[in-house]
Amino acid sequence: MNLTIPELALFARLLTEIKVVSVKDNKQQYFKFLSQIYMSKDDKDISENSIKNAFYSSSKDTLASVERLLIRMLNTIQKFKDSKMIS
């Protein structure tokens, strides 16, 4: 992924907050899963602890960066809706 560990962790947290992903009482397993399937733009190996720490704490820069990405995603959806390619 072309995201930093804090950005990846924030996206993962957003998915749990809006209940797209349900982790209930098993967040540690979620952190393990994330650390095993993703690599960040900075690190090939991500530890469960780095995901966990970033999951619970985001800097203003990380929040702003993810917000910009989400806005780009929304703009892309709007382009899809406006496109004649969408049925």
C-alpha atoms as a PDB file:
ATOM      1  CA  MET A   1       0.000   0.000   0.000  1.00  0.00           C
ATOM      2  CA  ASN A   2       1.070   3.504  -0.605  1.00  0.00           C
ATOM      3  CA  LEU A   3       0.117   4.482   2.948  1.00  0.00           C
ATOM      4  CA  THR A   4       2.101   4.942   6.113  1.00  0.00           C
ATOM      5  CA  ILE A   5       1.409   2.678   9.082  1.00  0.00           C
ATOM      6  CA  PRO A   6      -0.538   5.437  10.885  1.00  0.00           C
ATOM      7  CA  GLU A   7      -2.658   6.047   7.762  1.00  0.00           C
ATOM      8  CA  LEU A   8      -3.323   2.340   7.335  1.00  0.00           C
ATOM      9  CA  ALA A   9      -4.269   2.031  11.001  1.00  0.00           C
ATOM     10  CA  LEU A  10      -6.630   4.997  10.744  1.00  0.00           C
ATOM     11  CA  PHE A  11      -8.376   3.488   7.715  1.00  0.00           C
ATOM     12  CA  ALA A  12      -8.678   0.213   9.640  1.00  0.00           C
ATOM     13  CA  ARG A  13     -10.159   2.060  12.603  1.00  0.00           C
ATOM     14  CA  LEU A  14     -12.622   3.937  10.399  1.00  0.00           C
ATOM     15  CA  LEU A  15     -13.852   0.615   9.026  1.00  0.00           C
ATOM     16  CA  THR A  16     -14.485  -0.646  12.559  1.00  0.00           C
ATOM     17  CA  GLU A  17     -16.093   2.610  13.689  1.00  0.00           C
ATOM     18  CA  ILE A  18     -18.679   2.526  10.898  1.00  0.00           C
ATOM     19  CA  LYS A  19     -19.122  -1.230  11.390  1.00  0.00           C
ATOM     20  CA  VAL A  20     -17.914  -2.319   7.956  1.00  0.00           C
ATOM     21  CA  VAL A  21     -15.518  -4.581   9.861  1.00  0.00           C
ATOM     22  CA  SER A  22     -16.651  -6.148  13.112  1.00  0.00           C
ATOM     23  CA  VAL A  23     -13.894  -6.931  15.579  1.00  0.00           C
ATOM     24  CA  LYS A  24     -15.908  -6.974  18.813  1.00  0.00           C
ATOM     25  CA  ASP A  25     -13.665  -8.480  21.493  1.00  0.00           C
ATOM     26  CA  ASN A  26     -10.934  -9.617  19.141  1.00  0.00           C
ATOM     27  CA  LYS A  27      -9.026  -6.489  18.133  1.00  0.00           C
ATOM     28  CA  GLN A  28      -5.653  -8.151  18.662  1.00  0.00           C
ATOM     29  CA  GLN A  29      -6.499 -10.676  15.955  1.00  0.00           C
ATOM     30  CA  TYR A  30      -7.510  -7.771  13.674  1.00  0.00           C
ATOM     31  CA  PHE A  31      -4.130  -6.102  14.302  1.00  0.00           C
ATOM     32  CA  LYS A  32      -2.377  -9.385  13.539  1.00  0.00           C
ATOM     33  CA  PHE A  33      -4.386  -9.802  10.324  1.00  0.00           C
ATOM     34  CA  LEU A  34      -3.541  -6.263   9.187  1.00  0.00           C
ATOM     35  CA  SER A  35       0.143  -6.712   9.974  1.00  0.00           C
ATOM     36  CA  GLN A  36       0.272  -9.950   7.985  1.00  0.00           C
ATOM     37  CA  ILE A  37      -1.489  -8.854   4.804  1.00  0.00           C
ATOM     38  CA  TYR A  38      -0.299  -5.276   4.374  1.00  0.00           C
ATOM     39  CA  MET A  39       2.987  -3.518   4.008  1.00  0.00           C
ATOM     40  CA  SER A  40       3.292   0.224   4.241  1.00  0.00           C
ATOM     41  CA  LYS A  41       5.089   2.563   1.909  1.00  0.00           C
ATOM     42  CA  ASP A  42       7.816   2.810   4.557  1.00  0.00           C
ATOM     43  CA  ASP A  43       8.059  -0.765   5.867  1.00  0.00           C
ATOM     44  CA  LYS A  44       7.661  -4.194   4.313  1.00  0.00           C
ATOM     45  CA  ASP A  45       7.089  -5.735   7.735  1.00  0.00           C
ATOM     46  CA  ILE A  46       4.475  -4.203   9.990  1.00  0.00           C
ATOM     47  CA  SER A  47       4.214  -5.329  13.585  1.00  0.00           C
ATOM     48  CA  GLU A  48       0.941  -5.877  15.394  1.00  0.00           C
ATOM     49  CA  ASN A  49       2.073  -3.355  17.994  1.00  0.00           C
ATOM     50  CA  SER A  50       2.742  -0.632  15.441  1.00  0.00           C
ATOM     51  CA  ILE A  51      -0.761  -1.124  14.021  1.00  0.00           C
ATOM     52  CA  LYS A  52      -2.260  -1.212  17.513  1.00  0.00           C
ATOM     53  CA  ASN A  53      -0.471   1.940  18.655  1.00  0.00           C
ATOM     54  CA  ALA A  54      -1.433   3.850  15.520  1.00  0.00           C
ATOM     55  CA  PHE A  55      -4.998   2.479  15.674  1.00  0.00           C
ATOM     56  CA  TYR A  56      -5.600   4.196  19.010  1.00  0.00           C
ATOM     57  CA  SER A  57      -3.701   7.417  18.367  1.00  0.00           C
ATOM     58  CA  SER A  58      -3.620   9.575  15.231  1.00  0.00           C
ATOM     59  CA  SER A  59      -1.685  12.759  14.670  1.00  0.00           C
ATOM     60  CA  LYS A  60      -3.233  15.812  13.065  1.00  0.00           C
ATOM     61  CA  ASP A  61      -1.079  15.178   9.992  1.00  0.00           C
ATOM     62  CA  THR A  62      -2.371  11.608   9.686  1.00  0.00           C
ATOM     63  CA  LEU A  63      -5.969  12.751  10.095  1.00  0.00           C
ATOM     64  CA  ALA A  64      -5.479  15.416   7.417  1.00  0.00           C
ATOM     65  CA  SER A  65      -3.790  12.987   5.041  1.00  0.00           C
ATOM     66  CA  VAL A  66      -6.536  10.375   5.374  1.00  0.00           C
ATOM     67  CA  GLU A  67      -9.182  13.065   5.053  1.00  0.00           C
ATOM     68  CA  ARG A  68      -7.630  14.148   1.721  1.00  0.00           C
ATOM     69  CA  LEU A  69      -7.660  10.527   0.540  1.00  0.00           C
ATOM     70  CA  LEU A  70     -11.303  10.098   1.524  1.00  0.00           C
ATOM     71  CA  ILE A  71     -12.231  13.287  -0.327  1.00  0.00           C
ATOM     72  CA  ARG A  72     -10.425  11.983  -3.412  1.00  0.00           C
ATOM     73  CA  MET A  73     -12.355   8.726  -3.080  1.00  0.00           C
ATOM     74  CA  LEU A  74     -15.668  10.610  -2.853  1.00  0.00           C
ATOM     75  CA  ASN A  75     -14.735  12.700  -5.882  1.00  0.00           C
ATOM     76  CA  THR A  76     -13.919   9.513  -7.790  1.00  0.00           C
ATOM     77  CA  ILE A  77     -17.306   8.044  -6.878  1.00  0.00           C
ATOM     78  CA  GLN A  78     -18.940  11.224  -8.160  1.00  0.00           C
ATOM     79  CA  LYS A  79     -17.036  10.852 -11.442  1.00  0.00           C
ATOM     80  CA  PHE A  80     -18.278   7.257 -11.676  1.00  0.00           C
ATOM     81  CA  LYS A  81     -21.831   8.436 -11.129  1.00  0.00           C
ATOM     82  CA  ASP A  82     -21.464  11.130 -13.776  1.00  0.00           C
ATOM     83  CA  SER A  83     -19.900   8.717 -16.248  1.00  0.00           C
ATOM     84  CA  LYS A  84     -21.908   7.074 -18.985  1.00  0.00           C
ATOM     85  CA  MET A  85     -19.970   3.868 -18.232  1.00  0.00           C
ATOM     86  CA  ILE A  86     -22.002   3.224 -15.101  1.00  0.00           C
ATOM     87  CA  SER A  87     -25.272   1.390 -15.602  1.00  0.00           C
END
